């Protein structure tokens, strides 16, 4: 590992940015979002966002010739100029004063690098190639953007806000871990619920687990379609499943994206699927009911009703709309 990964708390801390163009504007915007106090030195402000931040009093401008003593008053330095000689001199001066410096697009001169970021605050994922392949890091970030629902940050905030309540309700570490896993694996759907409803459901699941002294699983119903027509949410459910109930007329290729070590059980009817789903989810399993798309919704309604009566979490995961011949 060539670089040591860390996250810096810059709220209320001074950061020096040198440069006034588009790159500097991007760096400044990220620093301001993190709560940093930005000190700016530039010969000219060439980006409207920087000028707007200066006019709003969100940035402190340092005028005149560059003064190395400015480095003593900041925690971090960002060099966002196209003057290589100046950047090199600034990096050397920062090194002498034990200040970390990021020289944009120059991994050799930099003593810290800014990674590609997926922001689902308070959950933040950072990806770095240590300067070797920035395009690769950006491509991985793009893929993670599609995999992590925007609302997952709300769920992470609930874990943080109710940390003590969770420990009091579930003092057993093993039980608490299983509860965490089930919540993360689909007991709640952060995308479908507004924040208040999500928090109420979150606390309801916690209270139910504490009252039972165990953790129940969940049931997801997915229409069996061609693998390339499955939504990302359906793919995640199939990859996380402990048990897959396979309805009649489901083609074998529909099971290709499923988790390899998940148990597969044929369910000859919706009533049988309901019975098996409730039984296994009641034991803590993550169950997927894979049914033929042409089967319609009546059978799924029976499975949903059985889960509701048993207190088992149920969700329908819609697929990509297709015309069934």
C-alpha atoms as a PDB file:
ATOM      1  CA  UNK A   1       0.000   0.000   0.000  1.00  0.00           C
ATOM      2  CA  UNK A   2       1.781   3.087  -1.257  1.00  0.00           C
ATOM      3  CA  UNK A   3      -0.487   5.678   0.365  1.00  0.00           C
ATOM      4  CA  UNK A   4      -1.983   5.680   3.843  1.00  0.00           C
ATOM      5  CA  UNK A   5      -5.743   6.291   3.588  1.00  0.00           C
ATOM      6  CA  UNK A   6      -7.353   8.758   5.998  1.00  0.00           C
ATOM      7  CA  UNK A   7     -10.305  11.134   6.282  1.00  0.00           C
ATOM      8  CA  UNK A   8      -9.543  14.642   7.539  1.00  0.00           C
ATOM      9  CA  UNK A   9     -11.838  16.706   9.781  1.00  0.00           C
ATOM     10  CA  UNK A  10     -11.377  20.152   8.251  1.00  0.00           C
ATOM     11  CA  UNK A  11     -14.385  21.855   9.832  1.00  0.00           C
ATOM     12  CA  UNK A  12     -13.202  25.271  11.010  1.00  0.00           C
ATOM     13  CA  UNK A  13      -9.618  24.576   9.921  1.00  0.00           C
ATOM     14  CA  UNK A  14      -7.649  26.728   7.488  1.00  0.00           C
ATOM     15  CA  UNK A  15      -6.652  25.418   4.056  1.00  0.00           C
ATOM     16  CA  UNK A  16      -4.599  27.392   1.534  1.00  0.00           C
ATOM     17  CA  UNK A  17      -5.607  27.114  -2.127  1.00  0.00           C
ATOM     18  CA  UNK A  18      -3.388  28.661  -4.784  1.00  0.00           C
ATOM     19  CA  UNK A  19      -5.049  29.131  -8.177  1.00  0.00           C
ATOM     20  CA  UNK A  20      -8.166  30.752  -9.579  1.00  0.00           C
ATOM     21  CA  UNK A  21      -9.382  28.560 -12.423  1.00  0.00           C
ATOM     22  CA  UNK A  22     -11.774  25.664 -12.916  1.00  0.00           C
ATOM     23  CA  UNK A  23      -9.629  23.113 -11.057  1.00  0.00           C
ATOM     24  CA  UNK A  24      -9.260  25.448  -8.088  1.00  0.00           C
ATOM     25  CA  UNK A  25     -13.032  26.006  -8.138  1.00  0.00           C
ATOM     26  CA  UNK A  26     -13.682  22.265  -7.813  1.00  0.00           C
ATOM     27  CA  UNK A  27     -11.215  21.953  -4.945  1.00  0.00           C
ATOM     28  CA  UNK A  28     -12.649  24.976  -3.159  1.00  0.00           C
ATOM     29  CA  UNK A  29     -16.221  23.699  -3.504  1.00  0.00           C
ATOM     30  CA  UNK A  30     -15.291  20.377  -1.893  1.00  0.00           C
ATOM     31  CA  UNK A  31     -13.361  22.088   0.907  1.00  0.00           C
ATOM     32  CA  UNK A  32     -16.267  24.410   1.678  1.00  0.00           C
ATOM     33  CA  UNK A  33     -18.655  21.451   1.817  1.00  0.00           C
ATOM     34  CA  UNK A  34     -16.327  19.919   4.404  1.00  0.00           C
ATOM     35  CA  UNK A  35     -16.495  23.106   6.472  1.00  0.00           C
ATOM     36  CA  UNK A  36     -12.922  24.255   5.848  1.00  0.00           C
ATOM     37  CA  UNK A  37     -11.874  27.901   6.088  1.00  0.00           C
ATOM     38  CA  UNK A  38     -10.407  28.519   2.645  1.00  0.00           C
ATOM     39  CA  UNK A  39      -7.587  31.019   2.177  1.00  0.00           C
ATOM     40  CA  UNK A  40      -7.081  31.841  -1.501  1.00  0.00           C
ATOM     41  CA  UNK A  41      -4.089  33.278  -3.318  1.00  0.00           C
ATOM     42  CA  UNK A  42      -4.350  33.852  -7.052  1.00  0.00           C
ATOM     43  CA  UNK A  43      -3.234  36.422  -9.584  1.00  0.00           C
ATOM     44  CA  UNK A  44      -6.747  36.482 -11.053  1.00  0.00           C
ATOM     45  CA  UNK A  45     -10.090  34.860 -10.334  1.00  0.00           C
ATOM     46  CA  UNK A  46     -11.109  33.134 -13.555  1.00  0.00           C
ATOM     47  CA  UNK A  47     -14.128  31.146 -12.416  1.00  0.00           C
ATOM     48  CA  UNK A  48     -17.563  32.551 -11.464  1.00  0.00           C
ATOM     49  CA  UNK A  49     -18.051  30.105  -8.588  1.00  0.00           C
ATOM     50  CA  UNK A  50     -14.872  31.337  -6.917  1.00  0.00           C
ATOM     51  CA  UNK A  51     -15.909  34.961  -7.398  1.00  0.00           C
ATOM     52  CA  UNK A  52     -19.349  34.215  -5.941  1.00  0.00           C
ATOM     53  CA  UNK A  53     -17.789  32.577  -2.876  1.00  0.00           C
ATOM     54  CA  UNK A  54     -15.453  35.550  -2.391  1.00  0.00           C
ATOM     55  CA  UNK A  55     -18.345  38.007  -2.733  1.00  0.00           C
ATOM     56  CA  UNK A  56     -20.327  35.999  -0.166  1.00  0.00           C
ATOM     57  CA  UNK A  57     -17.452  36.160   2.306  1.00  0.00           C
ATOM     58  CA  UNK A  58     -16.910  32.393   2.266  1.00  0.00           C
ATOM     59  CA  UNK A  59     -13.274  32.713   1.141  1.00  0.00           C
ATOM     60  CA  UNK A  60     -10.461  34.847   2.580  1.00  0.00           C
ATOM     61  CA  UNK A  61      -8.242  36.289  -0.176  1.00  0.00           C
ATOM     62  CA  UNK A  62      -4.497  36.730   0.354  1.00  0.00           C
ATOM     63  CA  UNK A  63      -3.178  39.616  -1.745  1.00  0.00           C
ATOM     64  CA  UNK A  64       0.249  40.578  -3.052  1.00  0.00           C
ATOM     65  CA  UNK A  65       3.196  38.327  -3.819  1.00  0.00           C
ATOM     66  CA  UNK A  66       3.080  34.824  -2.405  1.00  0.00           C
ATOM     67  CA  UNK A  67       4.424  34.777   1.161  1.00  0.00           C
ATOM     68  CA  UNK A  68       5.751  31.401   2.386  1.00  0.00           C
ATOM     69  CA  UNK A  69       4.814  32.460   5.931  1.00  0.00           C
ATOM     70  CA  UNK A  70       1.168  31.928   4.944  1.00  0.00           C
ATOM     71  CA  UNK A  71       1.849  28.199   5.157  1.00  0.00           C
ATOM     72  CA  UNK A  72       2.364  28.443   8.912  1.00  0.00           C
ATOM     73  CA  UNK A  73      -1.294  29.389   9.413  1.00  0.00           C
ATOM     74  CA  UNK A  74      -2.897  26.485   7.531  1.00  0.00           C
ATOM     75  CA  UNK A  75      -3.379  22.742   7.939  1.00  0.00           C
ATOM     76  CA  UNK A  76      -3.318  21.744   4.271  1.00  0.00           C
ATOM     77  CA  UNK A  77      -2.200  23.257   0.981  1.00  0.00           C
ATOM     78  CA  UNK A  78      -3.668  22.861  -2.519  1.00  0.00           C
ATOM     79  CA  UNK A  79      -1.654  23.991  -5.542  1.00  0.00           C
ATOM     80  CA  UNK A  80      -3.998  24.365  -8.522  1.00  0.00           C
ATOM     81  CA  UNK A  81      -1.896  26.399 -10.943  1.00  0.00           C
ATOM     82  CA  UNK A  82      -0.406  25.484 -14.326  1.00  0.00           C
ATOM     83  CA  UNK A  83       2.997  26.923 -13.338  1.00  0.00           C
ATOM     84  CA  UNK A  84       5.143  23.847 -12.715  1.00  0.00           C
ATOM     85  CA  UNK A  85       8.100  25.814 -11.348  1.00  0.00           C
ATOM     86  CA  UNK A  86       5.880  27.630  -8.841  1.00  0.00           C
ATOM     87  CA  UNK A  87       4.136  24.387  -7.855  1.00  0.00           C
ATOM     88  CA  UNK A  88       7.495  22.707  -7.248  1.00  0.00           C
ATOM     89  CA  UNK A  89       8.734  25.615  -5.132  1.00  0.00           C
ATOM     90  CA  UNK A  90       5.478  25.669  -3.153  1.00  0.00           C
ATOM     91  CA  UNK A  91       5.649  21.915  -2.541  1.00  0.00           C
ATOM     92  CA  UNK A  92       9.247  22.204  -1.337  1.00  0.00           C
ATOM     93  CA  UNK A  93       8.382  25.078   1.006  1.00  0.00           C
ATOM     94  CA  UNK A  94       5.386  23.177   2.376  1.00  0.00           C
ATOM     95  CA  UNK A  95       7.611  20.173   3.009  1.00  0.00           C
ATOM     96  CA  UNK A  96      10.116  22.254   4.960  1.00  0.00           C
ATOM     97  CA  UNK A  97       7.278  23.544   7.140  1.00  0.00           C
ATOM     98  CA  UNK A  98       5.731  20.062   7.558  1.00  0.00           C
ATOM     99  CA  UNK A  99       2.548  20.959   5.729  1.00  0.00           C
ATOM    100  CA  UNK A 100       0.833  18.405   3.509  1.00  0.00           C
ATOM    101  CA  UNK A 101       0.372  19.661  -0.051  1.00  0.00           C
ATOM    102  CA  UNK A 102      -1.692  18.460  -2.989  1.00  0.00           C
ATOM    103  CA  UNK A 103      -0.353  19.570  -6.350  1.00  0.00           C
ATOM    104  CA  UNK A 104      -3.157  18.907  -8.798  1.00  0.00           C
ATOM    105  CA  UNK A 105      -2.259  16.300 -11.436  1.00  0.00           C
ATOM    106  CA  UNK A 106       1.252  15.856 -10.029  1.00  0.00           C
ATOM    107  CA  UNK A 107       1.565  12.799  -7.798  1.00  0.00           C
ATOM    108  CA  UNK A 108       5.339  13.241  -7.490  1.00  0.00           C
ATOM    109  CA  UNK A 109       5.147  16.704  -5.920  1.00  0.00           C
ATOM    110  CA  UNK A 110       2.094  15.906  -3.789  1.00  0.00           C
ATOM    111  CA  UNK A 111       2.361  14.651  -0.214  1.00  0.00           C
ATOM    112  CA  UNK A 112      -1.359  13.846  -0.131  1.00  0.00           C
ATOM    113  CA  UNK A 113      -3.861  13.054  -2.865  1.00  0.00           C
ATOM    114  CA  UNK A 114      -7.585  13.659  -3.140  1.00  0.00           C
ATOM    115  CA  UNK A 115      -9.415  10.449  -4.094  1.00  0.00           C
ATOM    116  CA  UNK A 116     -12.480   9.903  -6.230  1.00  0.00           C
ATOM    117  CA  UNK A 117     -15.439  10.028  -3.843  1.00  0.00           C
ATOM    118  CA  UNK A 118     -18.904   8.518  -3.583  1.00  0.00           C
ATOM    119  CA  UNK A 119     -20.734  10.742  -1.097  1.00  0.00           C
ATOM    120  CA  UNK A 120     -23.609   9.195   0.800  1.00  0.00           C
ATOM    121  CA  UNK A 121     -22.971  11.217   3.944  1.00  0.00           C
ATOM    122  CA  UNK A 122     -22.335  10.193   6.619  1.00  0.00           C
ATOM    123  CA  UNK A 123     -21.176   7.218   4.533  1.00  0.00           C
ATOM    124  CA  UNK A 124     -18.325   8.260   2.239  1.00  0.00           C
ATOM    125  CA  UNK A 125     -16.398   5.912  -0.053  1.00  0.00           C
ATOM    126  CA  UNK A 126     -13.013   7.033  -1.387  1.00  0.00           C
ATOM    127  CA  UNK A 127     -11.139   5.376  -4.261  1.00  0.00           C
ATOM    128  CA  UNK A 128      -7.522   6.076  -5.122  1.00  0.00           C
ATOM    129  CA  UNK A 129      -5.096   4.614  -7.633  1.00  0.00           C
ATOM    130  CA  UNK A 130      -2.193   6.465  -5.942  1.00  0.00           C
ATOM    131  CA  UNK A 131      -1.933   8.579  -9.068  1.00  0.00           C
ATOM    132  CA  UNK A 132      -1.237   5.579 -11.284  1.00  0.00           C
ATOM    133  CA  UNK A 133      -4.572   5.528 -13.124  1.00  0.00           C
ATOM    134  CA  UNK A 134      -7.003   8.325 -12.182  1.00  0.00           C
ATOM    135  CA  UNK A 135      -9.396   7.285 -14.964  1.00  0.00           C
ATOM    136  CA  UNK A 136      -9.661   3.818 -13.409  1.00  0.00           C
ATOM    137  CA  UNK A 137     -10.508   5.316 -10.020  1.00  0.00           C
ATOM    138  CA  UNK A 138     -13.190   7.463 -11.638  1.00  0.00           C
ATOM    139  CA  UNK A 139     -14.651   4.466 -13.476  1.00  0.00           C
ATOM    140  CA  UNK A 140     -14.872   2.500 -10.226  1.00  0.00           C
ATOM    141  CA  UNK A 141     -16.531   5.500  -8.590  1.00  0.00           C
ATOM    142  CA  UNK A 142     -19.120   5.580 -11.385  1.00  0.00           C
ATOM    143  CA  UNK A 143     -19.938   1.918 -10.801  1.00  0.00           C
ATOM    144  CA  UNK A 144     -20.253   2.424  -7.058  1.00  0.00           C
ATOM    145  CA  UNK A 145     -22.570   5.379  -7.672  1.00  0.00           C
ATOM    146  CA  UNK A 146     -25.018   2.974  -9.334  1.00  0.00           C
ATOM    147  CA  UNK A 147     -24.677   0.319  -6.617  1.00  0.00           C
ATOM    148  CA  UNK A 148     -25.124   2.538  -3.557  1.00  0.00           C
ATOM    149  CA  UNK A 149     -28.625   3.973  -3.363  1.00  0.00           C
ATOM    150  CA  UNK A 150     -28.558   7.710  -2.593  1.00  0.00           C
ATOM    151  CA  UNK A 151     -30.750   7.079   0.460  1.00  0.00           C
ATOM    152  CA  UNK A 152     -28.221   4.703   2.046  1.00  0.00           C
ATOM    153  CA  UNK A 153     -26.724   7.730   3.802  1.00  0.00           C
ATOM    154  CA  UNK A 154     -30.004   8.216   5.648  1.00  0.00           C
ATOM    155  CA  UNK A 155     -29.772   4.643   6.904  1.00  0.00           C
ATOM    156  CA  UNK A 156     -26.159   5.170   7.999  1.00  0.00           C
ATOM    157  CA  UNK A 157     -27.280   8.242   9.916  1.00  0.00           C
ATOM    158  CA  UNK A 158     -29.886   6.169  11.766  1.00  0.00           C
ATOM    159  CA  UNK A 159     -27.224   3.710  12.900  1.00  0.00           C
ATOM    160  CA  UNK A 160     -25.144   6.596  14.237  1.00  0.00           C
ATOM    161  CA  UNK A 161     -28.004   8.488  15.875  1.00  0.00           C
ATOM    162  CA  UNK A 162     -29.398   5.443  17.686  1.00  0.00           C
ATOM    163  CA  UNK A 163     -26.113   3.693  18.516  1.00  0.00           C
ATOM    164  CA  UNK A 164     -26.693   3.639  22.287  1.00  0.00           C
ATOM    165  CA  UNK A 165     -30.321   2.582  21.951  1.00  0.00           C
ATOM    166  CA  UNK A 166     -29.257  -0.309  19.706  1.00  0.00           C
ATOM    167  CA  UNK A 167     -26.672  -1.483  22.241  1.00  0.00           C
ATOM    168  CA  UNK A 168     -29.184  -1.317  25.073  1.00  0.00           C
ATOM    169  CA  UNK A 169     -31.883  -3.149  23.105  1.00  0.00           C
ATOM    170  CA  UNK A 170     -29.528  -5.827  21.748  1.00  0.00           C
ATOM    171  CA  UNK A 171     -26.722  -6.277  24.303  1.00  0.00           C
ATOM    172  CA  UNK A 172     -25.648  -9.618  22.821  1.00  0.00           C
ATOM    173  CA  UNK A 173     -22.968  -8.886  20.197  1.00  0.00           C
ATOM    174  CA  UNK A 174     -23.849 -11.840  17.955  1.00  0.00           C
ATOM    175  CA  UNK A 175     -27.537 -10.908  17.934  1.00  0.00           C
ATOM    176  CA  UNK A 176     -26.699  -7.260  17.292  1.00  0.00           C
ATOM    177  CA  UNK A 177     -24.475  -8.230  14.368  1.00  0.00           C
ATOM    178  CA  UNK A 178     -27.221 -10.393  12.827  1.00  0.00           C
ATOM    179  CA  UNK A 179     -29.671  -7.522  13.214  1.00  0.00           C
ATOM    180  CA  UNK A 180     -27.286  -5.116  11.496  1.00  0.00           C
ATOM    181  CA  UNK A 181     -26.830  -7.571   8.623  1.00  0.00           C
ATOM    182  CA  UNK A 182     -30.550  -8.053   8.153  1.00  0.00           C
ATOM    183  CA  UNK A 183     -31.236  -4.322   8.173  1.00  0.00           C
ATOM    184  CA  UNK A 184     -28.500  -3.751   5.604  1.00  0.00           C
ATOM    185  CA  UNK A 185     -29.602  -6.711   3.481  1.00  0.00           C
ATOM    186  CA  UNK A 186     -33.132  -5.563   2.895  1.00  0.00           C
ATOM    187  CA  UNK A 187     -35.283  -5.480   5.998  1.00  0.00           C
ATOM    188  CA  UNK A 188     -35.767  -1.809   5.197  1.00  0.00           C
ATOM    189  CA  UNK A 189     -35.971  -0.104   1.827  1.00  0.00           C
ATOM    190  CA  UNK A 190     -34.387   3.345   2.245  1.00  0.00           C
ATOM    191  CA  UNK A 191     -35.333   4.335  -1.296  1.00  0.00           C
ATOM    192  CA  UNK A 192     -39.054   3.712  -0.921  1.00  0.00           C
ATOM    193  CA  UNK A 193     -39.546   5.471   2.419  1.00  0.00           C
ATOM    194  CA  UNK A 194     -39.358   9.116   3.402  1.00  0.00           C
ATOM    195  CA  UNK A 195     -36.882   9.829   6.236  1.00  0.00           C
ATOM    196  CA  UNK A 196     -39.499   9.911   9.002  1.00  0.00           C
ATOM    197  CA  UNK A 197     -41.158   6.686   7.855  1.00  0.00           C
ATOM    198  CA  UNK A 198     -37.752   5.047   7.482  1.00  0.00           C
ATOM    199  CA  UNK A 199     -36.767   6.004  11.033  1.00  0.00           C
ATOM    200  CA  UNK A 200     -40.067   4.697  12.406  1.00  0.00           C
ATOM    201  CA  UNK A 201     -39.587   1.395  10.568  1.00  0.00           C
ATOM    202  CA  UNK A 202     -35.960   1.214  11.727  1.00  0.00           C
ATOM    203  CA  UNK A 203     -36.919   1.614  15.383  1.00  0.00           C
ATOM    204  CA  UNK A 204     -39.821  -0.787  14.926  1.00  0.00           C
ATOM    205  CA  UNK A 205     -37.451  -3.468  13.644  1.00  0.00           C
ATOM    206  CA  UNK A 206     -35.140  -2.800  16.585  1.00  0.00           C
ATOM    207  CA  UNK A 207     -37.923  -3.076  19.159  1.00  0.00           C
ATOM    208  CA  UNK A 208     -39.259  -6.250  17.523  1.00  0.00           C
ATOM    209  CA  UNK A 209     -35.830  -7.901  17.551  1.00  0.00           C
ATOM    210  CA  UNK A 210     -35.341  -6.930  21.201  1.00  0.00           C
ATOM    211  CA  UNK A 211     -38.764  -8.309  22.177  1.00  0.00           C
ATOM    212  CA  UNK A 212     -38.241 -11.606  20.340  1.00  0.00           C
ATOM    213  CA  UNK A 213     -34.618 -12.031  21.261  1.00  0.00           C
ATOM    214  CA  UNK A 214     -33.923 -13.099  17.693  1.00  0.00           C
ATOM    215  CA  UNK A 215     -33.666 -11.640  14.201  1.00  0.00           C
ATOM    216  CA  UNK A 216     -36.081 -12.549  11.452  1.00  0.00           C
ATOM    217  CA  UNK A 217     -35.162 -12.611   7.810  1.00  0.00           C
ATOM    218  CA  UNK A 218     -36.952 -11.060   4.871  1.00  0.00           C
ATOM    219  CA  UNK A 219     -38.763 -12.052   1.686  1.00  0.00           C
ATOM    220  CA  UNK A 220     -38.248 -10.410  -1.700  1.00  0.00           C
ATOM    221  CA  UNK A 221     -40.492 -11.229  -4.666  1.00  0.00           C
ATOM    222  CA  UNK A 222     -38.865 -10.886  -8.085  1.00  0.00           C
ATOM    223  CA  UNK A 223     -40.369 -11.556 -11.506  1.00  0.00           C
ATOM    224  CA  UNK A 224     -38.155 -13.979 -13.448  1.00  0.00           C
ATOM    225  CA  UNK A 225     -37.010 -12.229 -16.605  1.00  0.00           C
ATOM    226  CA  UNK A 226     -33.905 -12.400 -18.763  1.00  0.00           C
ATOM    227  CA  UNK A 227     -30.841 -11.707 -16.560  1.00  0.00           C
ATOM    228  CA  UNK A 228     -29.981  -8.531 -18.474  1.00  0.00           C
ATOM    229  CA  UNK A 229     -33.458  -7.130 -17.712  1.00  0.00           C
ATOM    230  CA  UNK A 230     -33.098  -7.397 -13.938  1.00  0.00           C
ATOM    231  CA  UNK A 231     -32.807  -4.144 -12.017  1.00  0.00           C
ATOM    232  CA  UNK A 232     -29.807  -3.457  -9.800  1.00  0.00           C
ATOM    233  CA  UNK A 233     -32.004  -3.913  -6.747  1.00  0.00           C
ATOM    234  CA  UNK A 234     -33.145  -7.339  -7.981  1.00  0.00           C
ATOM    235  CA  UNK A 235     -29.553  -8.357  -8.673  1.00  0.00           C
ATOM    236  CA  UNK A 236     -28.525  -7.334  -5.155  1.00  0.00           C
ATOM    237  CA  UNK A 237     -31.357  -9.363  -3.635  1.00  0.00           C
ATOM    238  CA  UNK A 238     -30.382 -12.453  -5.650  1.00  0.00           C
ATOM    239  CA  UNK A 239     -26.743 -12.049  -4.639  1.00  0.00           C
ATOM    240  CA  UNK A 240     -27.630 -11.728  -0.944  1.00  0.00           C
ATOM    241  CA  UNK A 241     -30.222 -14.524  -0.782  1.00  0.00           C
ATOM    242  CA  UNK A 242     -29.852 -17.502   1.551  1.00  0.00           C
ATOM    243  CA  UNK A 243     -32.801 -19.303  -0.071  1.00  0.00           C
ATOM    244  CA  UNK A 244     -34.436 -18.947  -3.487  1.00  0.00           C
ATOM    245  CA  UNK A 245     -37.969 -20.246  -3.927  1.00  0.00           C
ATOM    246  CA  UNK A 246     -38.452 -21.045  -7.601  1.00  0.00           C
ATOM    247  CA  UNK A 247     -41.998 -20.805  -8.883  1.00  0.00           C
ATOM    248  CA  UNK A 248     -43.463 -22.834 -11.741  1.00  0.00           C
ATOM    249  CA  UNK A 249     -42.447 -21.969 -15.318  1.00  0.00           C
ATOM    250  CA  UNK A 250     -39.303 -20.148 -14.181  1.00  0.00           C
ATOM    251  CA  UNK A 251     -36.555 -20.809 -16.717  1.00  0.00           C
ATOM    252  CA  UNK A 252     -33.151 -22.005 -15.463  1.00  0.00           C
ATOM    253  CA  UNK A 253     -31.333 -18.983 -16.920  1.00  0.00           C
ATOM    254  CA  UNK A 254     -33.275 -16.732 -14.543  1.00  0.00           C
ATOM    255  CA  UNK A 255     -31.193 -18.223 -11.713  1.00  0.00           C
ATOM    256  CA  UNK A 256     -27.834 -17.397 -13.297  1.00  0.00           C
ATOM    257  CA  UNK A 257     -27.296 -14.106 -11.394  1.00  0.00           C
ATOM    258  CA  UNK A 258     -28.167 -15.699  -8.041  1.00  0.00           C
ATOM    259  CA  UNK A 259     -25.699 -16.314  -5.239  1.00  0.00           C
ATOM    260  CA  UNK A 260     -24.002 -19.636  -5.976  1.00  0.00           C
ATOM    261  CA  UNK A 261     -24.309 -21.117  -2.480  1.00  0.00           C
ATOM    262  CA  UNK A 262     -27.943 -20.077  -1.977  1.00  0.00           C
ATOM    263  CA  UNK A 263     -30.333 -22.994  -1.493  1.00  0.00           C
ATOM    264  CA  UNK A 264     -32.870 -23.478  -4.297  1.00  0.00           C
ATOM    265  CA  UNK A 265     -36.292 -24.950  -3.551  1.00  0.00           C
ATOM    266  CA  UNK A 266     -39.113 -25.494  -6.049  1.00  0.00           C
ATOM    267  CA  UNK A 267     -42.407 -23.904  -4.995  1.00  0.00           C
ATOM    268  CA  UNK A 268     -45.238 -25.501  -6.942  1.00  0.00           C
ATOM    269  CA  UNK A 269     -47.826 -22.902  -5.972  1.00  0.00           C
ATOM    270  CA  UNK A 270     -48.118 -19.490  -4.367  1.00  0.00           C
ATOM    271  CA  UNK A 271     -49.523 -21.079  -1.214  1.00  0.00           C
ATOM    272  CA  UNK A 272     -46.500 -23.349  -0.943  1.00  0.00           C
ATOM    273  CA  UNK A 273     -44.200 -20.398  -1.602  1.00  0.00           C
ATOM    274  CA  UNK A 274     -45.949 -18.445   1.173  1.00  0.00           C
ATOM    275  CA  UNK A 275     -45.553 -21.304   3.645  1.00  0.00           C
ATOM    276  CA  UNK A 276     -41.868 -21.852   2.840  1.00  0.00           C
ATOM    277  CA  UNK A 277     -41.084 -18.132   2.782  1.00  0.00           C
ATOM    278  CA  UNK A 278     -42.593 -17.516   6.212  1.00  0.00           C
ATOM    279  CA  UNK A 279     -40.940 -20.598   7.696  1.00  0.00           C
ATOM    280  CA  UNK A 280     -37.421 -19.840   6.480  1.00  0.00           C
ATOM    281  CA  UNK A 281     -37.578 -16.070   6.953  1.00  0.00           C
ATOM    282  CA  UNK A 282     -38.832 -16.715  10.478  1.00  0.00           C
ATOM    283  CA  UNK A 283     -35.573 -18.587  11.066  1.00  0.00           C
ATOM    284  CA  UNK A 284     -33.573 -15.573   9.878  1.00  0.00           C
ATOM    285  CA  UNK A 285     -33.041 -16.420   6.203  1.00  0.00           C
ATOM    286  CA  UNK A 286     -33.024 -13.907   3.375  1.00  0.00           C
ATOM    287  CA  UNK A 287     -35.569 -15.419   0.995  1.00  0.00           C
ATOM    288  CA  UNK A 288     -36.176 -14.567  -2.660  1.00  0.00           C
ATOM    289  CA  UNK A 289     -39.363 -15.790  -4.323  1.00  0.00           C
ATOM    290  CA  UNK A 290     -38.641 -15.967  -8.052  1.00  0.00           C
ATOM    291  CA  UNK A 291     -41.881 -16.258  -9.986  1.00  0.00           C
ATOM    292  CA  UNK A 292     -42.765 -16.344 -13.681  1.00  0.00           C
ATOM    293  CA  UNK A 293     -43.486 -12.857 -14.967  1.00  0.00           C
ATOM    294  CA  UNK A 294     -46.638 -14.055 -16.745  1.00  0.00           C
ATOM    295  CA  UNK A 295     -48.061 -15.428 -13.472  1.00  0.00           C
ATOM    296  CA  UNK A 296     -49.631 -12.112 -12.457  1.00  0.00           C
ATOM    297  CA  UNK A 297     -50.005 -10.567  -9.020  1.00  0.00           C
ATOM    298  CA  UNK A 298     -52.591 -12.796  -7.310  1.00  0.00           C
ATOM    299  CA  UNK A 299     -50.042 -15.323  -6.091  1.00  0.00           C
ATOM    300  CA  UNK A 300     -47.696 -12.596  -4.912  1.00  0.00           C
ATOM    301  CA  UNK A 301     -50.533 -11.050  -2.928  1.00  0.00           C
ATOM    302  CA  UNK A 302     -50.928 -14.340  -1.036  1.00  0.00           C
ATOM    303  CA  UNK A 303     -47.216 -14.470  -0.233  1.00  0.00           C
ATOM    304  CA  UNK A 304     -47.283 -10.850   0.934  1.00  0.00           C
ATOM    305  CA  UNK A 305     -50.343 -11.469   3.118  1.00  0.00           C
ATOM    306  CA  UNK A 306     -48.722 -14.510   4.743  1.00  0.00           C
ATOM    307  CA  UNK A 307     -45.593 -12.493   5.514  1.00  0.00           C
ATOM    308  CA  UNK A 308     -47.665  -9.656   6.974  1.00  0.00           C
ATOM    309  CA  UNK A 309     -49.546 -12.068   9.239  1.00  0.00           C
ATOM    310  CA  UNK A 310     -46.261 -13.583  10.455  1.00  0.00           C
ATOM    311  CA  UNK A 311     -44.494 -10.252  10.964  1.00  0.00           C
ATOM    312  CA  UNK A 312     -41.947 -10.994   8.232  1.00  0.00           C
ATOM    313  CA  UNK A 313     -40.620  -8.128   6.107  1.00  0.00           C
ATOM    314  CA  UNK A 314     -41.767  -8.417   2.482  1.00  0.00           C
ATOM    315  CA  UNK A 315     -40.966  -6.356  -0.582  1.00  0.00           C
ATOM    316  CA  UNK A 316     -41.774  -6.577  -4.268  1.00  0.00           C
ATOM    317  CA  UNK A 317     -38.858  -5.675  -6.474  1.00  0.00           C
ATOM    318  CA  UNK A 318     -40.084  -4.421  -9.848  1.00  0.00           C
ATOM    319  CA  UNK A 319     -38.223  -5.330 -12.986  1.00  0.00           C
ATOM    320  CA  UNK A 320     -37.717  -3.609 -16.306  1.00  0.00           C
ATOM    321  CA  UNK A 321     -41.137  -3.393 -18.009  1.00  0.00           C
ATOM    322  CA  UNK A 322     -41.431  -5.816 -20.937  1.00  0.00           C
ATOM    323  CA  UNK A 323     -44.307  -6.907 -23.142  1.00  0.00           C
ATOM    324  CA  UNK A 324     -45.148 -10.557 -22.450  1.00  0.00           C
ATOM    325  CA  UNK A 325     -46.314 -12.406 -25.595  1.00  0.00           C
END
